[in-house]
Amino acid sequence: MTTTIIAIGNSKGIRIPKILLEESGIKNMVKLEAKRGEIRILKAPEKKQLQDTSILSENALGVDWNRPEEDKAWESLQ
């Protein structure tokens, strides 16, 4: 498929047909790679949300800290 580079403010851009986006699975974020004579548009790796990470940390701490020997150790400090 051939398309035209267009002006977008001080930059340049292209319009990507909806059918190509649907086929590629690309929705929002992309990664651009440039080599001599080509520009590749790749789906950006998805990042975990901070909330997901903190929930995982709470679960891990719950397993480590909710043990009888931990309760005994804390009692000796009070």
C-alpha atoms as a PDB file:
ATOM      1  CA  MET A   1       0.000   0.000   0.000  1.00  0.00           C
ATOM      2  CA  THR A   2       1.315   3.452  -0.862  1.00  0.00           C
ATOM      3  CA  THR A   3       0.397   6.611   1.045  1.00  0.00           C
ATOM      4  CA  THR A   4       1.492  10.245   1.188  1.00  0.00           C
ATOM      5  CA  ILE A   5       3.466  11.927   3.976  1.00  0.00           C
ATOM      6  CA  ILE A   6       1.458  14.923   5.235  1.00  0.00           C
ATOM      7  CA  ALA A   7       2.309  18.001   7.313  1.00  0.00           C
ATOM      8  CA  ILE A   8       1.126  17.947  10.945  1.00  0.00           C
ATOM      9  CA  GLY A   9       2.235  21.224  12.528  1.00  0.00           C
ATOM     10  CA  ASN A  10       6.044  21.255  12.441  1.00  0.00           C
ATOM     11  CA  SER A  11       6.122  17.465  12.004  1.00  0.00           C
ATOM     12  CA  LYS A  12       5.165  14.999   9.297  1.00  0.00           C
ATOM     13  CA  GLY A  13       2.829  12.043   9.476  1.00  0.00           C
ATOM     14  CA  ILE A  14       0.863   9.422   7.608  1.00  0.00           C
ATOM     15  CA  ARG A  15      -2.715   8.178   7.841  1.00  0.00           C
ATOM     16  CA  ILE A  16      -2.950   4.474   8.636  1.00  0.00           C
ATOM     17  CA  PRO A  17      -6.092   2.812   7.277  1.00  0.00           C
ATOM     18  CA  LYS A  18      -8.379   1.252   9.893  1.00  0.00           C
ATOM     19  CA  ILE A  19      -8.132  -2.185   8.259  1.00  0.00           C
ATOM     20  CA  LEU A  20      -4.335  -2.213   8.707  1.00  0.00           C
ATOM     21  CA  LEU A  21      -4.641  -1.241  12.375  1.00  0.00           C
ATOM     22  CA  GLU A  22      -7.223  -3.973  12.943  1.00  0.00           C
ATOM     23  CA  GLU A  23      -5.037  -6.589  11.212  1.00  0.00           C
ATOM     24  CA  SER A  24      -1.966  -5.578  13.244  1.00  0.00           C
ATOM     25  CA  GLY A  25      -3.714  -5.459  16.626  1.00  0.00           C
ATOM     26  CA  ILE A  26      -2.216  -2.015  17.283  1.00  0.00           C
ATOM     27  CA  LYS A  27      -4.545   0.243  19.281  1.00  0.00           C
ATOM     28  CA  ASN A  28      -2.876   3.109  21.139  1.00  0.00           C
ATOM     29  CA  MET A  29       0.858   3.129  21.799  1.00  0.00           C
ATOM     30  CA  VAL A  30       3.466   2.247  19.198  1.00  0.00           C
ATOM     31  CA  LYS A  31       7.223   1.835  19.088  1.00  0.00           C
ATOM     32  CA  LEU A  32       9.070   3.364  16.136  1.00  0.00           C
ATOM     33  CA  GLU A  33      12.309   1.948  14.768  1.00  0.00           C
ATOM     34  CA  ALA A  34      14.253   3.618  11.966  1.00  0.00           C
ATOM     35  CA  LYS A  35      16.871   2.151   9.650  1.00  0.00           C
ATOM     36  CA  ARG A  36      18.237   3.558   6.450  1.00  0.00           C
ATOM     37  CA  GLY A  37      15.326   3.617   4.013  1.00  0.00           C
ATOM     38  CA  GLU A  38      12.637   2.309   6.378  1.00  0.00           C
ATOM     39  CA  ILE A  39      10.568   3.163   9.443  1.00  0.00           C
ATOM     40  CA  ARG A  40       8.955   0.294  11.346  1.00  0.00           C
ATOM     41  CA  ILE A  41       5.831   0.794  13.445  1.00  0.00           C
ATOM     42  CA  LEU A  42       5.532  -1.845  16.175  1.00  0.00           C
ATOM     43  CA  LYS A  43       3.006  -2.425  18.917  1.00  0.00           C
ATOM     44  CA  ALA A  44       4.468  -0.987  22.131  1.00  0.00           C
ATOM     45  CA  PRO A  45       4.973  -3.461  24.985  1.00  0.00           C
ATOM     46  CA  GLU A  46       2.219  -3.149  27.557  1.00  0.00           C
ATOM     47  CA  LYS A  47       3.271  -1.817  30.941  1.00  0.00           C
ATOM     48  CA  LYS A  48       1.772  -3.035  34.170  1.00  0.00           C
ATOM     49  CA  GLN A  49      -0.219  -0.475  36.063  1.00  0.00           C
ATOM     50  CA  LEU A  50       1.197   0.616  39.422  1.00  0.00           C
ATOM     51  CA  GLN A  51      -1.942  -0.625  41.170  1.00  0.00           C
ATOM     52  CA  ASP A  52      -1.398  -4.150  39.814  1.00  0.00           C
ATOM     53  CA  THR A  53       2.145  -4.155  41.178  1.00  0.00           C
ATOM     54  CA  SER A  54       1.118  -2.910  44.615  1.00  0.00           C
ATOM     55  CA  ILE A  55      -1.626  -5.533  44.864  1.00  0.00           C
ATOM     56  CA  LEU A  56       0.883  -8.255  44.028  1.00  0.00           C
ATOM     57  CA  SER A  57       3.244  -6.885  46.690  1.00  0.00           C
ATOM     58  CA  GLU A  58       0.496  -6.906  49.324  1.00  0.00           C
ATOM     59  CA  ASN A  59      -0.306 -10.522  48.524  1.00  0.00           C
ATOM     60  CA  ALA A  60       3.356 -11.529  48.775  1.00  0.00           C
ATOM     61  CA  LEU A  61       3.774  -9.707  52.095  1.00  0.00           C
ATOM     62  CA  GLY A  62       0.611 -11.316  53.425  1.00  0.00           C
ATOM     63  CA  VAL A  63       2.069 -14.766  52.816  1.00  0.00           C
ATOM     64  CA  ASP A  64       5.408 -13.864  54.425  1.00  0.00           C
ATOM     65  CA  TRP A  65       4.076 -11.931  57.410  1.00  0.00           C
ATOM     66  CA  ASN A  66       0.944 -13.854  58.361  1.00  0.00           C
ATOM     67  CA  ARG A  67       2.732 -16.749  60.030  1.00  0.00           C
ATOM     68  CA  PRO A  68       2.678 -17.747  63.725  1.00  0.00           C
ATOM     69  CA  GLU A  69       6.449 -17.319  64.103  1.00  0.00           C
ATOM     70  CA  GLU A  70       6.138 -13.715  62.897  1.00  0.00           C
ATOM     71  CA  ASP A  71       3.475 -12.987  65.529  1.00  0.00           C
ATOM     72  CA  LYS A  72       5.735 -14.452  68.223  1.00  0.00           C
ATOM     73  CA  ALA A  73       8.681 -12.318  67.084  1.00  0.00           C
ATOM     74  CA  TRP A  74       6.584  -9.133  67.170  1.00  0.00           C
ATOM     75  CA  GLU A  75       5.217  -9.939  70.639  1.00  0.00           C
ATOM     76  CA  SER A  76       8.748  -9.988  72.045  1.00  0.00           C
ATOM     77  CA  LEU A  77       9.256  -6.403  70.796  1.00  0.00           C
ATOM     78  CA  GLN A  78       6.163  -4.967  72.484  1.00  0.00           C
END
